[in-house]
Amino acid sequence: MVSDIGHRAFREKAKVLDAEAIRRAMVRIAHEILERRKGGQELALVGIRTRGAILAQRLAREMETIDRRPVQVGVLDITLYRDDLSRVAPHPIVRATDIAFDVTDLDVVLVDDVLFTGRTIRAALNALNDLGRPRTIQLAVLVDRGHRELPIRADYAGKNIPTSLAEHVEVRLGELDEKEEVVLEEPVAAGDGA
């Protein structure tokens, strides 16, 4: 399968996580969050749109099953907070932030699919702080692929995947995509007709 990301073509190199491995990672992260927090009181999950929001919903369901308490979940759109907005698209699509609770004095866990340079998380921190002042902010990601440009780290990670800068990590979730998997993709060489 060849995909086109920002004018660069990629082909699948290896499947890193299948549906069952993704499910297990979400269950493990849910347990870790609750264990570290001693329960889910004054806790909220905020997913970074789009796949981070889906993963936040999944984590909340797992945590509610384990702890038998509801977990507040919100969705954060960081489009206007990005430092590479002019390079993303000529007319970026801004979607709604949907956080129906005050984040002030809550322990917030930001949730995203892939942690790479840290710039998305920096943008999310800025966006979140514009909504209030959380007591603490932690980060949960499905995949940490390294190559940080900012001093940001995941508090909870489903899988650490060593990658080269040229490679791409593609997360596919059933709610949006035809498949449920995480794959490592490599660039297609010019003239490689793959």
C-alpha atoms as a PDB file:
ATOM      1  CA  MET A   1       0.000   0.000   0.000  1.00  0.00           C
ATOM      2  CA  VAL A   2       1.383   3.410  -0.992  1.00  0.00           C
ATOM      3  CA  SER A   3       0.194   6.562   0.760  1.00  0.00           C
ATOM      4  CA  ASP A   4       0.840  10.202  -0.058  1.00  0.00           C
ATOM      5  CA  ILE A   5       1.727  12.452   2.882  1.00  0.00           C
ATOM      6  CA  GLY A   6       2.548  16.071   2.186  1.00  0.00           C
ATOM      7  CA  HIS A   7       3.749  15.388  -1.392  1.00  0.00           C
ATOM      8  CA  ARG A   8       5.928  12.445  -0.270  1.00  0.00           C
ATOM      9  CA  ALA A   9       4.958   8.895  -1.089  1.00  0.00           C
ATOM     10  CA  PHE A  10       5.322   6.131   1.503  1.00  0.00           C
ATOM     11  CA  ARG A  11       4.878   2.384   1.404  1.00  0.00           C
ATOM     12  CA  GLU A  12       4.262   0.006   4.271  1.00  0.00           C
ATOM     13  CA  LYS A  13       7.468  -1.393   5.728  1.00  0.00           C
ATOM     14  CA  ALA A  14       6.191  -3.249   8.804  1.00  0.00           C
ATOM     15  CA  LYS A  15       3.080  -3.676  10.904  1.00  0.00           C
ATOM     16  CA  VAL A  16       4.005  -2.588  14.418  1.00  0.00           C
ATOM     17  CA  LEU A  17       0.694  -3.099  16.260  1.00  0.00           C
ATOM     18  CA  ASP A  18      -2.418  -5.026  15.286  1.00  0.00           C
ATOM     19  CA  ALA A  19      -5.912  -4.472  16.713  1.00  0.00           C
ATOM     20  CA  GLU A  20      -5.322  -6.714  19.739  1.00  0.00           C
ATOM     21  CA  ALA A  21      -1.990  -5.046  20.553  1.00  0.00           C
ATOM     22  CA  ILE A  22      -3.647  -1.614  20.368  1.00  0.00           C
ATOM     23  CA  ARG A  23      -6.403  -2.810  22.720  1.00  0.00           C
ATOM     24  CA  ARG A  24      -3.861  -4.209  25.183  1.00  0.00           C
ATOM     25  CA  ALA A  25      -1.870  -0.972  25.091  1.00  0.00           C
ATOM     26  CA  MET A  26      -4.996   1.046  25.908  1.00  0.00           C
ATOM     27  CA  VAL A  27      -5.867  -1.271  28.822  1.00  0.00           C
ATOM     28  CA  ARG A  28      -2.306  -1.034  30.179  1.00  0.00           C
ATOM     29  CA  ILE A  29      -2.221   2.768  29.899  1.00  0.00           C
ATOM     30  CA  ALA A  30      -5.624   3.015  31.638  1.00  0.00           C
ATOM     31  CA  HIS A  31      -4.307   0.895  34.531  1.00  0.00           C
ATOM     32  CA  GLU A  32      -1.104   2.960  34.735  1.00  0.00           C
ATOM     33  CA  ILE A  33      -2.997   6.260  34.864  1.00  0.00           C
ATOM     34  CA  LEU A  34      -5.304   5.021  37.610  1.00  0.00           C
ATOM     35  CA  GLU A  35      -2.474   3.464  39.617  1.00  0.00           C
ATOM     36  CA  ARG A  36      -0.362   6.597  39.453  1.00  0.00           C
ATOM     37  CA  ARG A  37      -3.345   8.777  40.313  1.00  0.00           C
ATOM     38  CA  LYS A  38      -4.810   6.515  43.020  1.00  0.00           C
ATOM     39  CA  GLY A  39      -8.153   6.578  41.216  1.00  0.00           C
ATOM     40  CA  GLY A  40      -9.868   8.903  38.776  1.00  0.00           C
ATOM     41  CA  GLN A  41     -11.008  11.781  40.998  1.00  0.00           C
ATOM     42  CA  GLU A  42     -10.501  15.271  39.565  1.00  0.00           C
ATOM     43  CA  LEU A  43      -9.085  13.738  36.405  1.00  0.00           C
ATOM     44  CA  ALA A  44      -9.905  14.542  32.794  1.00  0.00           C
ATOM     45  CA  LEU A  45      -8.692  13.102  29.511  1.00  0.00           C
ATOM     46  CA  VAL A  46      -8.259  15.538  26.628  1.00  0.00           C
ATOM     47  CA  GLY A  47      -7.679  14.009  23.207  1.00  0.00           C
ATOM     48  CA  ILE A  48      -5.892  15.916  20.470  1.00  0.00           C
ATOM     49  CA  ARG A  49      -8.061  15.870  17.388  1.00  0.00           C
ATOM     50  CA  THR A  50      -8.463  13.494  15.510  1.00  0.00           C
ATOM     51  CA  ARG A  51      -7.002  10.135  16.499  1.00  0.00           C
ATOM     52  CA  GLY A  52      -5.991  11.351  19.953  1.00  0.00           C
ATOM     53  CA  ALA A  53      -9.652  12.144  20.608  1.00  0.00           C
ATOM     54  CA  ILE A  54     -10.649   8.597  19.661  1.00  0.00           C
ATOM     55  CA  LEU A  55      -7.933   7.139  21.895  1.00  0.00           C
ATOM     56  CA  ALA A  56      -9.049   9.382  24.794  1.00  0.00           C
ATOM     57  CA  GLN A  57     -12.592   7.984  24.481  1.00  0.00           C
ATOM     58  CA  ARG A  58     -11.222   4.444  24.495  1.00  0.00           C
ATOM     59  CA  LEU A  59      -9.061   5.167  27.541  1.00  0.00           C
ATOM     60  CA  ALA A  60     -12.034   6.673  29.383  1.00  0.00           C
ATOM     61  CA  ARG A  61     -14.113   3.539  28.729  1.00  0.00           C
ATOM     62  CA  GLU A  62     -11.297   1.323  30.000  1.00  0.00           C
ATOM     63  CA  MET A  63     -10.784   3.478  33.089  1.00  0.00           C
ATOM     64  CA  GLU A  64     -14.518   3.502  33.848  1.00  0.00           C
ATOM     65  CA  THR A  65     -14.580  -0.303  33.566  1.00  0.00           C
ATOM     66  CA  ILE A  66     -11.636  -0.628  35.959  1.00  0.00           C
ATOM     67  CA  ASP A  67     -12.496   2.113  38.470  1.00  0.00           C
ATOM     68  CA  ARG A  68     -16.313   2.173  38.161  1.00  0.00           C
ATOM     69  CA  ARG A  69     -16.286   5.993  38.017  1.00  0.00           C
ATOM     70  CA  PRO A  70     -17.010   8.261  35.069  1.00  0.00           C
ATOM     71  CA  VAL A  71     -14.051  10.047  33.488  1.00  0.00           C
ATOM     72  CA  GLN A  72     -14.436  13.456  31.880  1.00  0.00           C
ATOM     73  CA  VAL A  73     -13.295  13.517  28.258  1.00  0.00           C
ATOM     74  CA  GLY A  74     -12.714  16.475  25.981  1.00  0.00           C
ATOM     75  CA  VAL A  75     -11.448  17.075  22.454  1.00  0.00           C
ATOM     76  CA  LEU A  76      -8.840  19.703  21.656  1.00  0.00           C
ATOM     77  CA  ASP A  77      -8.224  21.178  18.215  1.00  0.00           C
ATOM     78  CA  ILE A  78      -4.725  22.659  17.998  1.00  0.00           C
ATOM     79  CA  THR A  79      -4.767  23.845  14.376  1.00  0.00           C
ATOM     80  CA  LEU A  80      -4.384  27.552  15.145  1.00  0.00           C
ATOM     81  CA  TYR A  81      -1.677  26.892  17.750  1.00  0.00           C
ATOM     82  CA  ARG A  82       0.694  25.091  15.382  1.00  0.00           C
ATOM     83  CA  ASP A  83       4.030  26.732  14.615  1.00  0.00           C
ATOM     84  CA  ASP A  84       4.017  25.198  11.125  1.00  0.00           C
ATOM     85  CA  LEU A  85       0.524  26.308  10.117  1.00  0.00           C
ATOM     86  CA  SER A  86       1.662  27.851   6.837  1.00  0.00           C
ATOM     87  CA  ARG A  87       3.344  24.570   5.854  1.00  0.00           C
ATOM     88  CA  VAL A  88       0.417  22.304   6.794  1.00  0.00           C
ATOM     89  CA  ALA A  89      -2.034  23.537   4.161  1.00  0.00           C
ATOM     90  CA  PRO A  90      -2.925  26.770   2.377  1.00  0.00           C
ATOM     91  CA  HIS A  91      -6.382  26.717   4.028  1.00  0.00           C
ATOM     92  CA  PRO A  92      -6.193  24.561   7.159  1.00  0.00           C
ATOM     93  CA  ILE A  93      -9.427  23.142   8.485  1.00  0.00           C
ATOM     94  CA  VAL A  94     -10.166  24.333  12.011  1.00  0.00           C
ATOM     95  CA  ARG A  95     -12.493  22.059  13.948  1.00  0.00           C
ATOM     96  CA  ALA A  96     -14.158  22.707  17.258  1.00  0.00           C
ATOM     97  CA  THR A  97     -12.550  22.172  20.614  1.00  0.00           C
ATOM     98  CA  ASP A  98     -15.133  20.318  22.684  1.00  0.00           C
ATOM     99  CA  ILE A  99     -14.319  20.482  26.386  1.00  0.00           C
ATOM    100  CA  ALA A 100     -17.542  20.771  28.404  1.00  0.00           C
ATOM    101  CA  PHE A 101     -15.812  21.201  31.766  1.00  0.00           C
ATOM    102  CA  ASP A 102     -13.462  23.692  33.397  1.00  0.00           C
ATOM    103  CA  VAL A 103      -9.892  22.372  33.266  1.00  0.00           C
ATOM    104  CA  THR A 104      -8.789  24.631  36.123  1.00  0.00           C
ATOM    105  CA  ASP A 105      -7.425  22.611  39.057  1.00  0.00           C
ATOM    106  CA  LEU A 106      -7.968  19.282  37.281  1.00  0.00           C
ATOM    107  CA  ASP A 107      -5.312  16.702  36.587  1.00  0.00           C
ATOM    108  CA  VAL A 108      -5.411  16.497  32.797  1.00  0.00           C
ATOM    109  CA  VAL A 109      -3.996  13.724  30.657  1.00  0.00           C
ATOM    110  CA  LEU A 110      -3.439  14.858  27.058  1.00  0.00           C
ATOM    111  CA  VAL A 111      -3.884  11.947  24.660  1.00  0.00           C
ATOM    112  CA  ASP A 112      -2.417  11.655  21.162  1.00  0.00           C
ATOM    113  CA  ASP A 113      -1.662   8.877  18.719  1.00  0.00           C
ATOM    114  CA  VAL A 114       2.024   9.507  17.897  1.00  0.00           C
ATOM    115  CA  LEU A 115       4.678  11.510  19.742  1.00  0.00           C
ATOM    116  CA  PHE A 116       7.381  12.668  17.340  1.00  0.00           C
ATOM    117  CA  THR A 117       9.056  16.104  17.515  1.00  0.00           C
ATOM    118  CA  GLY A 118       6.937  17.370  20.417  1.00  0.00           C
ATOM    119  CA  ARG A 119       5.593  20.353  18.474  1.00  0.00           C
ATOM    120  CA  THR A 120       2.002  19.066  18.443  1.00  0.00           C
ATOM    121  CA  ILE A 121       2.139  18.635  22.206  1.00  0.00           C
ATOM    122  CA  ARG A 122       3.581  22.132  22.657  1.00  0.00           C
ATOM    123  CA  ALA A 123       0.656  23.498  20.651  1.00  0.00           C
ATOM    124  CA  ALA A 124      -1.774  21.431  22.744  1.00  0.00           C
ATOM    125  CA  LEU A 125      -0.275  22.759  25.983  1.00  0.00           C
ATOM    126  CA  ASN A 126      -0.740  26.330  24.751  1.00  0.00           C
ATOM    127  CA  ALA A 127      -4.321  25.636  23.669  1.00  0.00           C
ATOM    128  CA  LEU A 128      -5.166  23.906  26.944  1.00  0.00           C
ATOM    129  CA  ASN A 129      -3.717  26.710  29.051  1.00  0.00           C
ATOM    130  CA  ASP A 130      -5.896  29.196  27.174  1.00  0.00           C
ATOM    131  CA  LEU A 131      -8.893  27.286  28.586  1.00  0.00           C
ATOM    132  CA  GLY A 132      -7.777  27.354  32.221  1.00  0.00           C
ATOM    133  CA  ARG A 133      -4.998  26.333  34.556  1.00  0.00           C
ATOM    134  CA  PRO A 134      -4.925  22.586  35.171  1.00  0.00           C
ATOM    135  CA  ARG A 135      -3.281  21.387  38.400  1.00  0.00           C
ATOM    136  CA  THR A 136      -1.132  18.969  36.386  1.00  0.00           C
ATOM    137  CA  ILE A 137      -0.829  17.918  32.750  1.00  0.00           C
ATOM    138  CA  GLN A 138       0.472  14.505  31.714  1.00  0.00           C
ATOM    139  CA  LEU A 139       0.821  12.943  28.273  1.00  0.00           C
ATOM    140  CA  ALA A 140      -0.388   9.557  27.032  1.00  0.00           C
ATOM    141  CA  VAL A 141       0.433   8.376  23.508  1.00  0.00           C
ATOM    142  CA  LEU A 142      -0.127   5.165  21.625  1.00  0.00           C
ATOM    143  CA  VAL A 143       3.290   5.400  19.908  1.00  0.00           C
ATOM    144  CA  ASP A 144       6.469   7.246  20.838  1.00  0.00           C
ATOM    145  CA  ARG A 145       8.745   7.288  17.805  1.00  0.00           C
ATOM    146  CA  GLY A 146      11.527   9.498  19.167  1.00  0.00           C
ATOM    147  CA  HIS A 147      13.287  12.391  17.379  1.00  0.00           C
ATOM    148  CA  ARG A 148      12.187  15.087  19.823  1.00  0.00           C
ATOM    149  CA  GLU A 149      12.874  18.721  18.945  1.00  0.00           C
ATOM    150  CA  LEU A 150      11.453  20.004  22.247  1.00  0.00           C
ATOM    151  CA  PRO A 151      11.933  18.821  25.839  1.00  0.00           C
ATOM    152  CA  ILE A 152       8.692  16.842  25.946  1.00  0.00           C
ATOM    153  CA  ARG A 153       8.223  13.207  26.949  1.00  0.00           C
ATOM    154  CA  ALA A 154       5.299  10.834  27.305  1.00  0.00           C
ATOM    155  CA  ASP A 155       4.224   9.837  30.804  1.00  0.00           C
ATOM    156  CA  TYR A 156       2.398   6.839  29.305  1.00  0.00           C
ATOM    157  CA  ALA A 157       3.275   5.184  25.984  1.00  0.00           C
ATOM    158  CA  GLY A 158       1.722   2.129  24.382  1.00  0.00           C
ATOM    159  CA  LYS A 159       4.827   1.346  22.309  1.00  0.00           C
ATOM    160  CA  ASN A 160       8.225   2.910  21.684  1.00  0.00           C
ATOM    161  CA  ILE A 161       9.190   2.480  18.033  1.00  0.00           C
ATOM    162  CA  PRO A 162      12.707   3.345  16.879  1.00  0.00           C
ATOM    163  CA  THR A 163      12.406   5.123  13.541  1.00  0.00           C
ATOM    164  CA  SER A 164      14.532   7.045  11.103  1.00  0.00           C
ATOM    165  CA  LEU A 165      13.589  10.633  10.340  1.00  0.00           C
ATOM    166  CA  ALA A 166      12.576   9.567   6.829  1.00  0.00           C
ATOM    167  CA  GLU A 167      10.079   6.961   8.054  1.00  0.00           C
ATOM    168  CA  HIS A 168       6.465   7.624   8.924  1.00  0.00           C
ATOM    169  CA  VAL A 169       4.245   6.021  11.573  1.00  0.00           C
ATOM    170  CA  GLU A 170       0.670   5.536  10.370  1.00  0.00           C
ATOM    171  CA  VAL A 171      -2.024   4.903  12.994  1.00  0.00           C
ATOM    172  CA  ARG A 172      -5.263   3.481  11.638  1.00  0.00           C
ATOM    173  CA  LEU A 173      -8.273   3.246  13.928  1.00  0.00           C
ATOM    174  CA  GLY A 174     -11.549   1.492  13.180  1.00  0.00           C
ATOM    175  CA  GLU A 175     -13.640   4.601  13.872  1.00  0.00           C
ATOM    176  CA  LEU A 176     -11.994   6.433  10.936  1.00  0.00           C
ATOM    177  CA  ASP A 177     -10.110   3.927   8.850  1.00  0.00           C
ATOM    178  CA  GLU A 178     -10.864   0.566   7.312  1.00  0.00           C
ATOM    179  CA  LYS A 179      -8.290  -1.114   9.553  1.00  0.00           C
ATOM    180  CA  GLU A 180      -7.135  -1.125  13.151  1.00  0.00           C
ATOM    181  CA  GLU A 181      -3.335  -1.112  13.135  1.00  0.00           C
ATOM    182  CA  VAL A 182      -0.126   0.854  13.431  1.00  0.00           C
ATOM    183  CA  VAL A 183       2.314   0.532  10.553  1.00  0.00           C
ATOM    184  CA  LEU A 184       5.796   1.847   9.906  1.00  0.00           C
ATOM    185  CA  GLU A 185       6.131   3.290   6.420  1.00  0.00           C
ATOM    186  CA  GLU A 186       9.224   4.085   4.416  1.00  0.00           C
ATOM    187  CA  PRO A 187       9.597   6.659   1.658  1.00  0.00           C
ATOM    188  CA  VAL A 188       9.205   5.496  -1.920  1.00  0.00           C
ATOM    189  CA  ALA A 189      12.265   6.386  -3.977  1.00  0.00           C
ATOM    190  CA  ALA A 190      11.684   8.613  -6.996  1.00  0.00           C
ATOM    191  CA  GLY A 191      10.957   6.483 -10.044  1.00  0.00           C
ATOM    192  CA  ASP A 192      10.232   3.438  -7.884  1.00  0.00           C
ATOM    193  CA  GLY A 193       6.789   2.881  -9.428  1.00  0.00           C
ATOM    194  CA  ALA A 194       5.627   0.915  -6.373  1.00  0.00           C
END
